[in-house]
Amino acid sequence: MNSKCQCVELNDGHFMPVLGFGTYAPEEVPKSMATDATKLAIDAGFRHIDSAYIYQNEEEVGLAIRSKIADGTVKREDIFYTSKLWSTFHRPELVQSCLERSLKKLQLDYVDLYLIHYPVSMKPGENSFPTDEHGKVIPDAVDLCATWEAMEKCKDAGLAKSIGVSNFNRRQLEMILNKPGLKYKPVCNQVECHLYLNQSKLLDFCKSKDIVLVAYSVLGSHREKKWVDQNSPVVLDDPVLGAMAKKYKQTPALISLRYQLQRGVVALVKSFSEKRIKENIQVFKFQLTSEDMKVLDGLNKNIRYLTLDSTAGHINYPFSDAY
């Protein structure tokens, strides 16, 4: 089944496929694998492709998209592509230049969605993680409302069809929503969200504001040692989830994905395995009962695998509670 048939309407009138293909990979994974995996994903039926400036793979992902357009598999308008503004480009005068760098690497004329990647600003420069003599990331004092105004200009210029945020909590979202002279609301907030961190409060808030919640690490985490506590529990090994997978004759991964879709969350899933990529697109072929949805709700443990403390070089920032 083609995921482009399953879309959610955004608050600006554009449509986002509810199942997306994530392209982040650890540093040790060859960048060329991003090209191969993205091609496989498009062939399997994925139409929503998620990447970011900081992933340093947009050249490879863009190559995959363009090759699938060239061979007639898709048209450009069939693909929903997301990129993200990195934290060293938060100053209003730098925002468009970051997007233009991404577009140049992608060799595309526009992105479908552009997000502020993190609500933390860092010192501008070519170093993506600028640090002081103590190894601490050097922050930058930027008003995110001014950053948002520059994002709005990117939309007006046609460089991004829609604009949104990532890793924002309720207070940060309200700061944007309450900004005097707001032209465009964020269409979405992309956050870590899985069975052990179901973000129910943040989801309810986003729904009340007509903002789509997009989930990453939806199957738990890639458990990269650099970022993730290796002692943390593995979502896909949960016995309740395993029993439910047997009941539905599906994999734990598909149950986890289906859970998100049924609660109105857009789910991003990543894999370099052709078998798993093809398997993940099967999420539209079954449905969970309301009783089983409640059972899965009960698995929440408020466990966060990725903290800003780890991903942004130990910036002292209240990120433990995304609500």
Protein backbone atom coordinates (compact mmCIF):
# COMPACT_ATOMS: atom_id res chain seq x y z
CA MET A 1 0.00 0.00 0.00
CA ASN A 2 1.29 3.45 -0.86
CA SER A 3 1.70 5.70 2.17
CA LYS A 4 0.91 8.80 0.11
CA CYS A 5 -2.77 7.77 0.31
CA GLN A 6 -2.58 8.19 4.10
CA CYS A 7 -2.04 11.88 4.85
CA VAL A 8 -2.87 14.43 7.49
CA GLU A 9 -3.85 17.98 6.58
CA LEU A 10 -1.58 20.63 8.09
CA ASN A 11 -2.85 23.95 9.42
CA ASP A 12 -1.55 25.75 6.31
CA GLY A 13 -3.51 23.53 3.91
CA HIS A 14 -0.65 21.27 2.81
CA PHE A 15 -0.74 17.50 3.38
CA MET A 16 1.85 15.34 5.16
CA PRO A 17 2.03 11.54 4.76
CA VAL A 18 1.47 9.98 8.18
CA LEU A 19 4.35 7.52 7.78
CA GLY A 20 7.79 8.96 7.14
CA PHE A 21 11.21 7.52 6.38
CA GLY A 22 13.97 8.82 8.69
CA THR A 23 17.48 9.11 7.28
CA TYR A 24 19.66 9.83 10.32
CA ALA A 25 22.53 7.39 10.73
CA PRO A 26 25.51 7.11 13.11
CA GLU A 27 28.82 8.52 11.85
CA GLU A 28 30.29 5.08 11.19
CA VAL A 29 27.58 4.26 8.62
CA PRO A 30 28.79 5.13 5.07
CA LYS A 31 26.89 8.13 3.68
CA SER A 32 26.21 6.19 0.47
CA MET A 33 23.84 3.97 2.44
CA ALA A 34 21.50 6.94 2.76
CA THR A 35 21.12 6.93 -1.04
CA ASP A 36 20.44 3.20 -1.22
CA ALA A 37 18.02 3.16 1.73
CA THR A 38 16.07 6.18 0.49
CA LYS A 39 15.69 4.60 -2.95
CA LEU A 40 14.44 1.39 -1.32
CA ALA A 41 12.01 3.39 0.80
CA ILE A 42 10.55 5.23 -2.20
CA ASP A 43 10.25 1.96 -4.13
CA ALA A 44 8.45 0.41 -1.13
CA GLY A 45 5.91 3.25 -1.06
CA PHE A 46 7.31 5.84 1.35
CA ARG A 47 6.66 9.38 0.17
CA HIS A 48 7.63 11.29 3.32
CA ILE A 49 11.43 11.60 3.68
CA ASP A 50 12.94 13.22 6.79
CA SER A 51 16.49 14.58 6.99
CA ALA A 52 18.34 17.63 8.35
CA TYR A 53 21.32 19.89 7.71
CA ILE A 54 23.18 18.36 10.68
CA TYR A 55 22.77 14.78 9.39
CA GLN A 56 25.30 15.64 6.67
CA ASN A 57 23.63 13.30 4.19
CA GLU A 58 21.39 15.60 2.17
CA GLU A 59 23.57 15.24 -0.91
CA GLU A 60 23.03 11.46 -0.79
CA VAL A 61 19.31 11.69 0.06
CA GLY A 62 18.78 14.26 -2.69
CA LEU A 63 20.50 11.95 -5.17
CA ALA A 64 18.08 9.16 -4.24
CA ILE A 65 15.02 11.40 -4.64
CA ARG A 66 16.19 12.78 -7.97
CA SER A 67 17.01 9.32 -9.31
CA LYS A 68 13.52 8.08 -8.43
CA ILE A 69 12.05 11.13 -10.18
CA ALA A 70 14.28 10.51 -13.22
CA ASP A 71 13.26 6.86 -13.54
CA GLY A 72 9.57 7.76 -13.38
CA THR A 73 8.81 6.16 -9.99
CA VAL A 74 7.63 9.49 -8.55
CA LYS A 75 7.17 13.14 -9.44
CA ARG A 76 8.67 15.85 -7.23
CA GLU A 77 5.21 16.75 -5.94
CA ASP A 78 4.70 13.15 -4.75
CA ILE A 79 7.58 13.50 -2.28
CA PHE A 80 7.22 15.27 1.07
CA TYR A 81 10.74 16.22 2.09
CA THR A 82 11.68 17.64 5.50
CA SER A 83 14.90 19.45 6.41
CA LYS A 84 15.89 21.27 9.60
CA LEU A 85 17.59 24.50 10.60
CA TRP A 86 20.66 23.83 12.70
CA SER A 87 21.31 25.68 15.96
CA THR A 88 24.30 27.69 14.68
CA PHE A 89 22.00 29.39 12.13
CA HIS A 90 19.34 30.76 14.50
CA ARG A 91 20.22 34.42 13.95
CA PRO A 92 17.52 35.76 11.61
CA GLU A 93 20.03 36.83 8.96
CA LEU A 94 21.44 33.27 8.80
CA VAL A 95 18.23 31.22 8.61
CA GLN A 96 17.72 31.33 4.85
CA SER A 97 21.40 30.61 4.18
CA CYS A 98 21.12 27.30 6.07
CA LEU A 99 18.09 26.30 4.02
CA GLU A 100 19.84 27.35 0.81
CA ARG A 101 22.83 25.14 1.75
CA SER A 102 20.47 22.20 2.16
CA LEU A 103 18.73 22.91 -1.14
CA LYS A 104 22.08 23.14 -2.93
CA LYS A 105 23.13 19.75 -1.56
CA LEU A 106 19.73 18.24 -2.38
CA GLN A 107 19.63 19.93 -5.81
CA LEU A 108 15.96 20.66 -5.19
CA ASP A 109 14.10 23.96 -5.56
CA TYR A 110 12.20 23.73 -2.27
CA VAL A 111 11.60 21.59 0.80
CA ASP A 112 8.09 20.61 1.81
CA LEU A 113 8.78 21.21 5.49
CA TYR A 114 11.47 23.20 7.28
CA LEU A 115 11.87 22.86 11.05
CA ILE A 116 13.82 24.64 13.77
CA HIS A 117 15.78 21.54 14.84
CA TYR A 118 16.32 22.50 18.50
CA PRO A 119 15.12 25.38 20.68
CA VAL A 120 18.74 26.08 21.65
CA SER A 121 20.97 28.53 19.80
CA MET A 122 24.72 28.05 19.38
CA LYS A 123 27.52 30.37 18.32
CA PRO A 124 27.44 30.85 14.52
CA GLY A 125 30.30 29.53 12.42
CA GLU A 126 31.37 26.55 10.36
CA ASN A 127 31.73 24.38 13.48
CA SER A 128 28.35 22.74 14.10
CA PHE A 129 29.17 22.16 17.78
CA PRO A 130 31.25 25.20 18.83
CA THR A 131 32.94 24.52 22.17
CA ASP A 132 34.98 26.49 24.69
CA GLU A 133 38.26 25.44 26.32
CA HIS A 134 36.30 23.21 28.74
CA GLY A 135 34.54 21.33 25.96
CA LYS A 136 31.20 23.01 26.64
CA VAL A 137 29.08 24.14 23.72
CA ILE A 138 29.07 27.92 23.28
CA PRO A 139 25.48 29.18 23.29
CA ASP A 140 24.19 32.19 21.36
CA ALA A 141 21.63 34.67 22.70
CA VAL A 142 18.93 34.64 20.01
CA ASP A 143 15.24 35.39 20.34
CA LEU A 144 13.55 32.34 18.79
CA CYS A 145 10.62 34.54 17.82
CA ALA A 146 13.01 36.43 15.53
CA THR A 147 14.24 33.09 14.18
CA TRP A 148 10.61 32.15 13.51
CA GLU A 149 10.03 35.37 11.56
CA ALA A 150 12.96 34.41 9.33
CA MET A 151 11.38 30.96 8.89
CA GLU A 152 8.17 32.68 7.78
CA LYS A 153 10.18 34.57 5.16
CA CYS A 154 11.53 31.27 3.83
CA LYS A 155 7.93 30.11 3.37
CA ASP A 156 6.97 33.37 1.67
CA ALA A 157 9.97 33.02 -0.66
CA GLY A 158 8.76 29.56 -1.72
CA LEU A 159 11.85 27.81 -0.38
CA ALA A 160 9.74 25.86 2.13
CA LYS A 161 6.09 24.92 1.62
CA SER A 162 5.48 24.55 5.36
CA ILE A 163 7.39 25.47 8.51
CA GLY A 164 7.44 23.95 11.98
CA VAL A 165 9.57 23.12 15.00
CA SER A 166 11.30 20.15 16.58
CA ASN A 167 12.05 19.29 20.21
CA PHE A 168 9.93 22.18 21.53
CA ASN A 169 8.03 21.87 24.81
CA ARG A 170 4.68 23.48 25.52
CA ARG A 171 6.16 26.70 26.86
CA GLN A 172 8.34 27.16 23.78
CA LEU A 173 5.43 26.44 21.46
CA GLU A 174 3.30 29.00 23.29
CA MET A 175 6.09 31.56 22.92
CA ILE A 176 5.81 31.21 19.12
CA LEU A 177 2.01 30.99 19.09
CA ASN A 178 1.68 34.13 21.22
CA LYS A 179 4.23 36.11 19.23
CA PRO A 180 2.83 39.53 18.20
CA GLY A 181 2.34 39.64 14.45
CA LEU A 182 2.54 35.86 13.99
CA LYS A 183 2.03 35.14 10.29
CA TYR A 184 2.18 31.33 10.23
CA LYS A 185 1.69 28.87 13.07
CA PRO A 186 4.10 25.93 13.25
CA VAL A 187 2.43 23.09 11.34
CA CYS A 188 4.12 20.44 13.50
CA ASN A 189 6.39 19.67 16.42
CA GLN A 190 8.77 16.75 15.86
CA VAL A 191 9.80 15.09 19.14
CA GLU A 192 11.04 11.80 20.58
CA CYS A 193 7.92 9.69 21.07
CA HIS A 194 7.50 5.95 21.60
CA LEU A 195 5.71 3.50 23.89
CA TYR A 196 8.01 4.35 26.82
CA LEU A 197 7.61 8.13 26.20
CA ASN A 198 4.15 8.57 24.73
CA GLN A 199 4.04 12.38 25.10
CA SER A 200 0.29 12.27 25.83
CA LYS A 201 0.13 15.76 27.40
CA LEU A 202 2.15 17.35 24.62
CA LEU A 203 0.06 15.51 22.04
CA ASP A 204 -3.17 16.83 23.56
CA PHE A 205 -1.77 20.36 23.62
CA CYS A 206 -0.62 20.17 20.00
CA LYS A 207 -4.01 18.81 18.90
CA SER A 208 -5.73 21.71 20.69
CA LYS A 209 -3.62 24.15 18.64
CA ASP A 210 -3.97 22.28 15.31
CA ILE A 211 -0.28 21.35 15.37
CA VAL A 212 0.69 17.84 14.24
CA LEU A 213 2.96 15.83 16.55
CA VAL A 214 5.64 13.99 14.57
CA ALA A 215 7.42 11.15 16.35
CA TYR A 216 11.07 10.18 15.98
CA SER A 217 12.76 7.24 17.73
CA VAL A 218 9.32 5.69 17.41
CA LEU A 219 10.70 2.17 17.86
CA GLY A 220 12.73 3.25 20.86
CA SER A 221 16.17 4.29 19.69
CA HIS A 222 19.06 3.29 17.46
CA ARG A 223 20.93 2.95 20.81
CA GLU A 224 24.04 4.70 19.54
CA LYS A 225 26.55 4.51 22.41
CA LYS A 226 27.56 8.13 21.87
CA TRP A 227 24.09 9.35 22.90
CA VAL A 228 22.09 6.60 24.58
CA ASP A 229 22.44 4.98 28.02
CA GLN A 230 23.10 1.32 27.18
CA ASN A 231 21.35 0.25 30.41
CA SER A 232 18.04 1.76 29.31
CA PRO A 233 15.29 -0.77 28.48
CA VAL A 234 14.64 -1.73 24.85
CA VAL A 235 11.10 -0.86 23.76
CA LEU A 236 10.83 -3.63 21.17
CA ASP A 237 11.76 -6.23 23.81
CA ASP A 238 8.79 -5.31 26.01
CA PRO A 239 6.86 -8.52 26.86
CA VAL A 240 3.44 -6.81 26.64
CA LEU A 241 4.32 -5.52 23.18
CA GLY A 242 5.63 -8.97 22.22
CA ALA A 243 2.40 -10.66 23.31
CA MET A 244 0.35 -8.16 21.32
CA ALA A 245 2.52 -8.71 18.25
CA LYS A 246 1.74 -12.43 18.45
CA LYS A 247 -1.96 -11.72 18.89
CA TYR A 248 -2.08 -9.64 15.70
CA LYS A 249 0.50 -11.79 13.87
CA GLN A 250 2.61 -8.68 13.34
CA THR A 251 6.09 -7.60 14.46
CA PRO A 252 6.59 -5.51 17.62
CA ALA A 253 7.81 -2.70 15.35
CA LEU A 254 4.54 -2.68 13.37
CA ILE A 255 2.46 -2.66 16.56
CA SER A 256 4.52 0.31 17.81
CA LEU A 257 4.02 2.18 14.53
CA ARG A 258 0.31 1.40 14.36
CA TYR A 259 -0.15 2.69 17.92
CA GLN A 260 1.22 6.09 16.92
CA LEU A 261 -0.84 6.39 13.75
CA GLN A 262 -4.08 5.55 15.57
CA ARG A 263 -3.51 8.29 18.14
CA GLY A 264 -3.00 10.88 15.42
CA VAL A 265 0.79 11.01 15.51
CA VAL A 266 2.89 11.08 12.33
CA ALA A 267 5.54 8.37 12.71
CA LEU A 268 9.09 8.44 11.33
CA VAL A 269 10.83 5.09 11.03
CA LYS A 270 14.31 4.35 9.76
CA SER A 271 16.07 1.25 8.54
CA PHE A 272 18.81 0.27 6.12
CA SER A 273 17.32 -3.21 5.66
CA GLU A 274 15.23 -3.75 2.53
CA LYS A 275 13.21 -6.39 4.38
CA ARG A 276 12.36 -4.05 7.26
CA ILE A 277 11.67 -1.08 4.99
CA LYS A 278 9.12 -3.18 3.07
CA GLU A 279 7.73 -4.55 6.34
CA ASN A 280 7.21 -1.09 7.91
CA ILE A 281 4.98 0.07 5.06
CA GLN A 282 2.56 -2.76 5.97
CA VAL A 283 1.38 -0.73 8.98
CA PHE A 284 -1.77 0.30 7.08
CA LYS A 285 -3.00 -3.29 6.72
CA PHE A 286 -4.32 -3.80 10.24
CA GLN A 287 -5.88 -1.92 13.15
CA LEU A 288 -5.58 -2.14 16.94
CA THR A 289 -8.69 -2.31 19.14
CA SER A 290 -9.40 0.55 21.53
CA GLU A 291 -8.78 -1.85 24.42
CA ASP A 292 -5.34 -2.73 23.10
CA MET A 293 -4.57 0.96 22.54
CA LYS A 294 -5.25 1.51 26.27
CA VAL A 295 -2.95 -1.38 27.17
CA LEU A 296 -0.19 0.22 25.07
CA ASP A 297 -0.87 3.61 26.68
CA GLY A 298 -0.09 1.90 29.98
CA LEU A 299 3.47 1.06 28.89
CA ASN A 300 4.55 4.71 29.23
CA LYS A 301 7.53 5.10 31.59
CA ASN A 302 8.60 8.66 30.67
CA ILE A 303 11.96 7.27 29.52
CA ARG A 304 13.79 9.64 27.19
CA TYR A 305 16.60 8.08 25.16
CA LEU A 306 17.90 11.28 23.58
CA THR A 307 18.44 14.28 25.81
CA LEU A 308 19.57 17.69 24.68
CA ASP A 309 22.32 17.28 27.25
CA SER A 310 23.80 14.56 25.07
CA THR A 311 22.92 15.76 21.59
CA ALA A 312 23.95 19.37 22.05
CA GLY A 313 27.13 18.96 24.03
CA HIS A 314 25.97 19.43 27.60
CA ILE A 315 24.06 22.67 27.33
CA ASN A 316 22.30 23.25 30.63
CA TYR A 317 18.74 23.19 29.37
CA PRO A 318 15.44 21.98 30.88
CA PHE A 319 14.77 19.28 28.30
CA SER A 320 13.89 16.37 30.56
CA ASP A 321 10.21 17.27 30.48
CA ALA A 322 9.16 17.92 26.90
CA TYR A 323 5.77 19.12 28.07
